[in-house]
Amino acid sequence: MLDYDLEAAHYDETRGGLPRAEAAAAAVRGLVPGGTLLDVACGTGLVSKELARRGLRVLGVDASAGMAGLAAGRVPVVRGDGSLLPVRDGSVDAVITIWLLHLLDDARPVIAEAARVVRPGGVYVTTVDKRAAHGGGGRGRPADGAELVVTEAARHGLRQGGEVTFVGHGQGRDGPDPVFRLLAFTRDR
């Protein structure tokens, strides 16, 4: 796994920068009606800033000091772990985990936390099947597999309510830019 504290200074320029962030934010915004959004693993805050520009009140959370430090120049941010979020139960209108679950050995605690902090009627949005977006490969069952995410979300009172794809501009290092898939889940009232 990357050392995100060291990677922070060059992350945006090596991951598609503003064009990728704008595409991700536009896709997320189409699934999130409004209000307060918690961006879990917000990284440098580039997507968070684009979501704020689109009318959402955004709070970023990242475990990496390097990433959180950069994000703090773009949006309000706190240090924290996706499996133990530093916010109250049912306190936000939306939670996103963009490009996070594929990095984990087990995404279930993060999905459970998203369900805990999103208000009834609120939305959880996440990327799924990132390995497939980059042409497959790898072994084992990915932590961000759509079937696993849908099943785990349902266990915590989240029902699938939308899906969209977007192009990961600047990510096609050895070929075309990948197409990422977002799933949206609504918290039962």
C-alpha atoms as a PDB file:
ATOM      1  CA  MET A   1       0.000   0.000   0.000  1.00  0.00           C
ATOM      2  CA  LEU A   2       1.153   3.527  -0.734  1.00  0.00           C
ATOM      3  CA  ASP A   3       2.418   5.822   1.980  1.00  0.00           C
ATOM      4  CA  TYR A   4      -0.163   8.559   1.502  1.00  0.00           C
ATOM      5  CA  ASP A   5       1.753  11.032   3.670  1.00  0.00           C
ATOM      6  CA  LEU A   6       4.630  10.843   1.165  1.00  0.00           C
ATOM      7  CA  GLU A   7       2.336  10.570  -1.855  1.00  0.00           C
ATOM      8  CA  ALA A   8       0.235  13.644  -0.946  1.00  0.00           C
ATOM      9  CA  ALA A   9       2.472  16.251  -2.585  1.00  0.00           C
ATOM     10  CA  HIS A  10       2.235  14.559  -6.003  1.00  0.00           C
ATOM     11  CA  TYR A  11      -1.099  12.791  -5.716  1.00  0.00           C
ATOM     12  CA  ASP A  12      -3.256  15.146  -7.789  1.00  0.00           C
ATOM     13  CA  GLU A  13      -0.806  15.458 -10.658  1.00  0.00           C
ATOM     14  CA  THR A  14      -0.414  11.664 -10.905  1.00  0.00           C
ATOM     15  CA  ARG A  15      -4.131  10.850 -10.564  1.00  0.00           C
ATOM     16  CA  GLY A  16      -5.807  13.003 -13.187  1.00  0.00           C
ATOM     17  CA  GLY A  17      -5.948  16.277 -11.251  1.00  0.00           C
ATOM     18  CA  LEU A  18      -8.828  18.664 -11.747  1.00  0.00           C
ATOM     19  CA  PRO A  19     -10.392  16.941 -14.801  1.00  0.00           C
ATOM     20  CA  ARG A  20     -10.760  13.676 -12.843  1.00  0.00           C
ATOM     21  CA  ALA A  21     -12.020  15.526  -9.753  1.00  0.00           C
ATOM     22  CA  GLU A  22     -14.608  17.441 -11.794  1.00  0.00           C
ATOM     23  CA  ALA A  23     -15.869  14.227 -13.412  1.00  0.00           C
ATOM     24  CA  ALA A  24     -16.137  12.469 -10.046  1.00  0.00           C
ATOM     25  CA  ALA A  25     -17.856  15.447  -8.391  1.00  0.00           C
ATOM     26  CA  ALA A  26     -20.381  15.805 -11.214  1.00  0.00           C
ATOM     27  CA  ALA A  27     -21.237  12.104 -10.971  1.00  0.00           C
ATOM     28  CA  VAL A  28     -21.573  12.227  -7.172  1.00  0.00           C
ATOM     29  CA  ARG A  29     -23.632  15.432  -7.296  1.00  0.00           C
ATOM     30  CA  GLY A  30     -26.117  13.708  -9.596  1.00  0.00           C
ATOM     31  CA  LEU A  31     -26.741  11.130  -6.848  1.00  0.00           C
ATOM     32  CA  VAL A  32     -26.745  13.427  -3.802  1.00  0.00           C
ATOM     33  CA  PRO A  33     -29.702  15.811  -3.458  1.00  0.00           C
ATOM     34  CA  GLY A  34     -28.021  18.369  -1.200  1.00  0.00           C
ATOM     35  CA  GLY A  35     -27.058  19.222   2.355  1.00  0.00           C
ATOM     36  CA  THR A  36     -24.043  18.159   4.379  1.00  0.00           C
ATOM     37  CA  LEU A  37     -21.679  15.618   2.821  1.00  0.00           C
ATOM     38  CA  LEU A  38     -18.958  13.656   4.609  1.00  0.00           C
ATOM     39  CA  ASP A  39     -16.125  12.747   2.223  1.00  0.00           C
ATOM     40  CA  VAL A  40     -14.403   9.746   3.802  1.00  0.00           C
ATOM     41  CA  ALA A  41     -10.784   9.302   2.677  1.00  0.00           C
ATOM     42  CA  CYS A  42     -11.005  12.709   1.019  1.00  0.00           C
ATOM     43  CA  GLY A  43      -7.332  12.639   0.069  1.00  0.00           C
ATOM     44  CA  THR A  44      -6.124  16.052  -1.038  1.00  0.00           C
ATOM     45  CA  GLY A  45      -9.673  17.411  -1.008  1.00  0.00           C
ATOM     46  CA  LEU A  46      -9.796  18.100  -4.731  1.00  0.00           C
ATOM     47  CA  VAL A  47     -13.092  16.215  -5.226  1.00  0.00           C
ATOM     48  CA  SER A  48     -14.394  17.653  -1.935  1.00  0.00           C
ATOM     49  CA  LYS A  49     -13.712  21.197  -3.146  1.00  0.00           C
ATOM     50  CA  GLU A  50     -15.541  20.499  -6.406  1.00  0.00           C
ATOM     51  CA  LEU A  51     -18.534  19.157  -4.447  1.00  0.00           C
ATOM     52  CA  ALA A  52     -18.549  22.281  -2.277  1.00  0.00           C
ATOM     53  CA  ARG A  53     -18.442  24.383  -5.438  1.00  0.00           C
ATOM     54  CA  ARG A  54     -21.565  22.495  -6.525  1.00  0.00           C
ATOM     55  CA  GLY A  55     -23.517  23.612  -3.460  1.00  0.00           C
ATOM     56  CA  LEU A  56     -22.836  20.950  -0.823  1.00  0.00           C
ATOM     57  CA  ARG A  57     -21.523  21.615   2.685  1.00  0.00           C
ATOM     58  CA  VAL A  58     -18.529  19.262   2.725  1.00  0.00           C
ATOM     59  CA  LEU A  59     -16.488  17.894   5.595  1.00  0.00           C
ATOM     60  CA  GLY A  60     -13.481  15.818   4.603  1.00  0.00           C
ATOM     61  CA  VAL A  61     -12.055  12.979   6.687  1.00  0.00           C
ATOM     62  CA  ASP A  62      -8.690  11.378   6.019  1.00  0.00           C
ATOM     63  CA  ALA A  63      -6.358   9.204   8.082  1.00  0.00           C
ATOM     64  CA  SER A  64      -3.218  10.528   6.382  1.00  0.00           C
ATOM     65  CA  ALA A  65      -1.723  13.678   7.896  1.00  0.00           C
ATOM     66  CA  GLY A  66      -0.223  14.595   4.511  1.00  0.00           C
ATOM     67  CA  MET A  67      -3.503  14.252   2.664  1.00  0.00           C
ATOM     68  CA  ALA A  68      -5.550  15.952   5.398  1.00  0.00           C
ATOM     69  CA  GLY A  69      -3.075  18.838   5.447  1.00  0.00           C
ATOM     70  CA  LEU A  70      -3.567  19.482   1.742  1.00  0.00           C
ATOM     71  CA  ALA A  71      -7.335  19.004   1.960  1.00  0.00           C
ATOM     72  CA  ALA A  72      -7.567  21.547   4.795  1.00  0.00           C
ATOM     73  CA  GLY A  73      -6.588  24.230   2.305  1.00  0.00           C
ATOM     74  CA  ARG A  74      -9.653  23.353   0.233  1.00  0.00           C
ATOM     75  CA  VAL A  75     -12.444  22.312   2.637  1.00  0.00           C
ATOM     76  CA  PRO A  76     -12.948  21.753   6.357  1.00  0.00           C
ATOM     77  CA  VAL A  77     -11.243  18.470   7.241  1.00  0.00           C
ATOM     78  CA  VAL A  78     -10.602  16.261  10.260  1.00  0.00           C
ATOM     79  CA  ARG A  79      -8.210  13.375  10.727  1.00  0.00           C
ATOM     80  CA  GLY A  80     -10.044  10.127  11.083  1.00  0.00           C
ATOM     81  CA  ASP A  81     -10.444   6.541  10.002  1.00  0.00           C
ATOM     82  CA  GLY A  82     -13.295   5.348   7.803  1.00  0.00           C
ATOM     83  CA  SER A  83     -14.063   2.492  10.167  1.00  0.00           C
ATOM     84  CA  LEU A  84     -14.498   4.849  13.156  1.00  0.00           C
ATOM     85  CA  LEU A  85     -15.823   8.164  11.889  1.00  0.00           C
ATOM     86  CA  PRO A  86     -15.597  11.215  14.162  1.00  0.00           C
ATOM     87  CA  VAL A  87     -19.248  12.276  13.727  1.00  0.00           C
ATOM     88  CA  ARG A  88     -22.531  11.525  15.519  1.00  0.00           C
ATOM     89  CA  ASP A  89     -25.045   8.894  14.476  1.00  0.00           C
ATOM     90  CA  GLY A  90     -27.422  10.090  11.751  1.00  0.00           C
ATOM     91  CA  SER A  91     -25.778  13.508  11.525  1.00  0.00           C
ATOM     92  CA  VAL A  92     -25.014  13.963   7.810  1.00  0.00           C
ATOM     93  CA  ASP A  93     -27.131  14.028   4.662  1.00  0.00           C
ATOM     94  CA  ALA A  94     -24.626  12.107   2.554  1.00  0.00           C
ATOM     95  CA  VAL A  95     -21.457  10.051   2.911  1.00  0.00           C
ATOM     96  CA  ILE A  96     -19.091   9.223   0.073  1.00  0.00           C
ATOM     97  CA  THR A  97     -16.203   6.781  -0.186  1.00  0.00           C
ATOM     98  CA  ILE A  98     -14.684   7.449  -3.590  1.00  0.00           C
ATOM     99  CA  TRP A  99     -11.675   5.287  -4.463  1.00  0.00           C
ATOM    100  CA  LEU A 100     -11.416   3.873  -0.931  1.00  0.00           C
ATOM    101  CA  LEU A 101     -12.999   0.432  -0.605  1.00  0.00           C
ATOM    102  CA  HIS A 102     -10.683  -1.225  -3.155  1.00  0.00           C
ATOM    103  CA  LEU A 103      -7.716  -0.353  -0.888  1.00  0.00           C
ATOM    104  CA  LEU A 104      -9.105  -2.267   2.094  1.00  0.00           C
ATOM    105  CA  ASP A 105      -8.812  -5.873   3.113  1.00  0.00           C
ATOM    106  CA  ASP A 106     -12.352  -5.649   4.486  1.00  0.00           C
ATOM    107  CA  ALA A 107     -14.758  -2.872   3.455  1.00  0.00           C
ATOM    108  CA  ARG A 108     -17.548  -3.964   5.798  1.00  0.00           C
ATOM    109  CA  PRO A 109     -16.558  -1.724   8.763  1.00  0.00           C
ATOM    110  CA  VAL A 110     -16.456   1.347   6.509  1.00  0.00           C
ATOM    111  CA  ILE A 111     -19.867   0.571   5.009  1.00  0.00           C
ATOM    112  CA  ALA A 112     -21.259   0.052   8.524  1.00  0.00           C
ATOM    113  CA  GLU A 113     -19.876   3.426   9.626  1.00  0.00           C
ATOM    114  CA  ALA A 114     -21.349   5.174   6.588  1.00  0.00           C
ATOM    115  CA  ALA A 115     -24.734   3.689   7.491  1.00  0.00           C
ATOM    116  CA  ARG A 116     -24.319   4.792  11.108  1.00  0.00           C
ATOM    117  CA  VAL A 117     -23.594   8.455  10.375  1.00  0.00           C
ATOM    118  CA  VAL A 118     -25.951   9.113   7.450  1.00  0.00           C
ATOM    119  CA  ARG A 119     -29.347  10.431   8.502  1.00  0.00           C
ATOM    120  CA  PRO A 120     -32.559   8.533   7.722  1.00  0.00           C
ATOM    121  CA  GLY A 121     -33.411   9.359   4.119  1.00  0.00           C
ATOM    122  CA  GLY A 122     -29.772  10.279   3.474  1.00  0.00           C
ATOM    123  CA  VAL A 123     -27.465   8.829   0.838  1.00  0.00           C
ATOM    124  CA  TYR A 124     -24.257   6.785   0.823  1.00  0.00           C
ATOM    125  CA  VAL A 125     -22.291   6.818  -2.463  1.00  0.00           C
ATOM    126  CA  THR A 126     -19.241   4.697  -3.215  1.00  0.00           C
ATOM    127  CA  THR A 127     -17.099   3.545  -6.095  1.00  0.00           C
ATOM    128  CA  VAL A 128     -17.217  -0.183  -6.758  1.00  0.00           C
ATOM    129  CA  ASP A 129     -15.315  -2.643  -8.935  1.00  0.00           C
ATOM    130  CA  LYS A 130     -12.247  -0.402  -9.374  1.00  0.00           C
ATOM    131  CA  ARG A 131     -10.123  -3.359 -10.475  1.00  0.00           C
ATOM    132  CA  ALA A 132     -12.561  -3.964 -13.349  1.00  0.00           C
ATOM    133  CA  ALA A 133     -12.323  -0.281 -14.377  1.00  0.00           C
ATOM    134  CA  HIS A 134      -8.585  -0.763 -14.829  1.00  0.00           C
ATOM    135  CA  GLY A 135      -8.947  -3.913 -16.908  1.00  0.00           C
ATOM    136  CA  GLY A 136      -9.349  -6.566 -14.207  1.00  0.00           C
ATOM    137  CA  GLY A 137      -6.446  -8.556 -12.919  1.00  0.00           C
ATOM    138  CA  GLY A 138      -5.486  -9.370  -9.368  1.00  0.00           C
ATOM    139  CA  ARG A 139      -6.515 -12.265  -7.211  1.00  0.00           C
ATOM    140  CA  GLY A 140      -9.246 -12.984  -4.776  1.00  0.00           C
ATOM    141  CA  ARG A 141     -12.494 -11.214  -4.151  1.00  0.00           C
ATOM    142  CA  PRO A 142     -12.058  -7.431  -4.143  1.00  0.00           C
ATOM    143  CA  ALA A 143     -13.282  -5.514  -1.092  1.00  0.00           C
ATOM    144  CA  ASP A 144     -15.140  -3.124  -3.425  1.00  0.00           C
ATOM    145  CA  GLY A 145     -16.986  -5.786  -5.420  1.00  0.00           C
ATOM    146  CA  ALA A 146     -20.496  -4.525  -6.181  1.00  0.00           C
ATOM    147  CA  GLU A 147     -22.209  -7.683  -4.919  1.00  0.00           C
ATOM    148  CA  LEU A 148     -20.358  -7.534  -1.592  1.00  0.00           C
ATOM    149  CA  VAL A 149     -21.040  -3.799  -1.182  1.00  0.00           C
ATOM    150  CA  VAL A 150     -24.756  -4.139  -1.986  1.00  0.00           C
ATOM    151  CA  THR A 151     -25.128  -7.056   0.439  1.00  0.00           C
ATOM    152  CA  GLU A 152     -23.281  -5.307   3.253  1.00  0.00           C
ATOM    153  CA  ALA A 153     -25.122  -2.034   2.716  1.00  0.00           C
ATOM    154  CA  ALA A 154     -28.462  -3.862   2.955  1.00  0.00           C
ATOM    155  CA  ARG A 155     -27.378  -5.419   6.278  1.00  0.00           C
ATOM    156  CA  HIS A 156     -27.129  -1.889   7.660  1.00  0.00           C
ATOM    157  CA  GLY A 157     -30.419  -0.488   6.370  1.00  0.00           C
ATOM    158  CA  LEU A 158     -29.112   0.984   3.121  1.00  0.00           C
ATOM    159  CA  ARG A 159     -30.990   0.163  -0.070  1.00  0.00           C
ATOM    160  CA  GLN A 160     -29.539   0.681  -3.506  1.00  0.00           C
ATOM    161  CA  GLY A 161     -31.091   3.715  -5.113  1.00  0.00           C
ATOM    162  CA  GLY A 162     -28.935   4.768  -8.033  1.00  0.00           C
ATOM    163  CA  GLU A 163     -25.941   4.107 -10.208  1.00  0.00           C
ATOM    164  CA  VAL A 164     -23.801   6.168 -12.528  1.00  0.00           C
ATOM    165  CA  THR A 165     -20.440   5.906 -14.279  1.00  0.00           C
ATOM    166  CA  PHE A 166     -17.813   8.533 -15.048  1.00  0.00           C
ATOM    167  CA  VAL A 167     -14.502   8.686 -16.873  1.00  0.00           C
ATOM    168  CA  GLY A 168     -11.355   8.831 -14.735  1.00  0.00           C
ATOM    169  CA  HIS A 169      -9.561  11.448 -16.808  1.00  0.00           C
ATOM    170  CA  GLY A 170      -5.794  11.152 -16.636  1.00  0.00           C
ATOM    171  CA  GLN A 171      -5.868   7.625 -15.227  1.00  0.00           C
ATOM    172  CA  GLY A 172      -5.291   5.718 -18.479  1.00  0.00           C
ATOM    173  CA  ARG A 173      -1.546   5.320 -18.051  1.00  0.00           C
ATOM    174  CA  ASP A 174      -1.255   2.429 -20.499  1.00  0.00           C
ATOM    175  CA  GLY A 175      -4.472   2.842 -22.466  1.00  0.00           C
ATOM    176  CA  PRO A 176      -7.827   4.553 -22.422  1.00  0.00           C
ATOM    177  CA  ASP A 177      -9.047   6.341 -19.311  1.00  0.00           C
ATOM    178  CA  PRO A 178     -10.990   3.961 -17.060  1.00  0.00           C
ATOM    179  CA  VAL A 179     -14.703   4.243 -16.466  1.00  0.00           C
ATOM    180  CA  PHE A 180     -15.566   4.191 -12.764  1.00  0.00           C
ATOM    181  CA  ARG A 181     -18.863   2.971 -11.348  1.00  0.00           C
ATOM    182  CA  LEU A 182     -20.689   4.670  -8.465  1.00  0.00           C
ATOM    183  CA  LEU A 183     -23.491   3.077  -6.483  1.00  0.00           C
ATOM    184  CA  ALA A 184     -25.844   5.128  -4.327  1.00  0.00           C
ATOM    185  CA  PHE A 185     -27.710   3.780  -1.319  1.00  0.00           C
ATOM    186  CA  THR A 186     -30.495   5.447   0.638  1.00  0.00           C
ATOM    187  CA  ARG A 187     -30.819   5.001   4.379  1.00  0.00           C
ATOM    188  CA  ASP A 188     -34.233   3.672   5.358  1.00  0.00           C
ATOM    189  CA  ARG A 189     -36.236   6.046   7.492  1.00  0.00           C
END
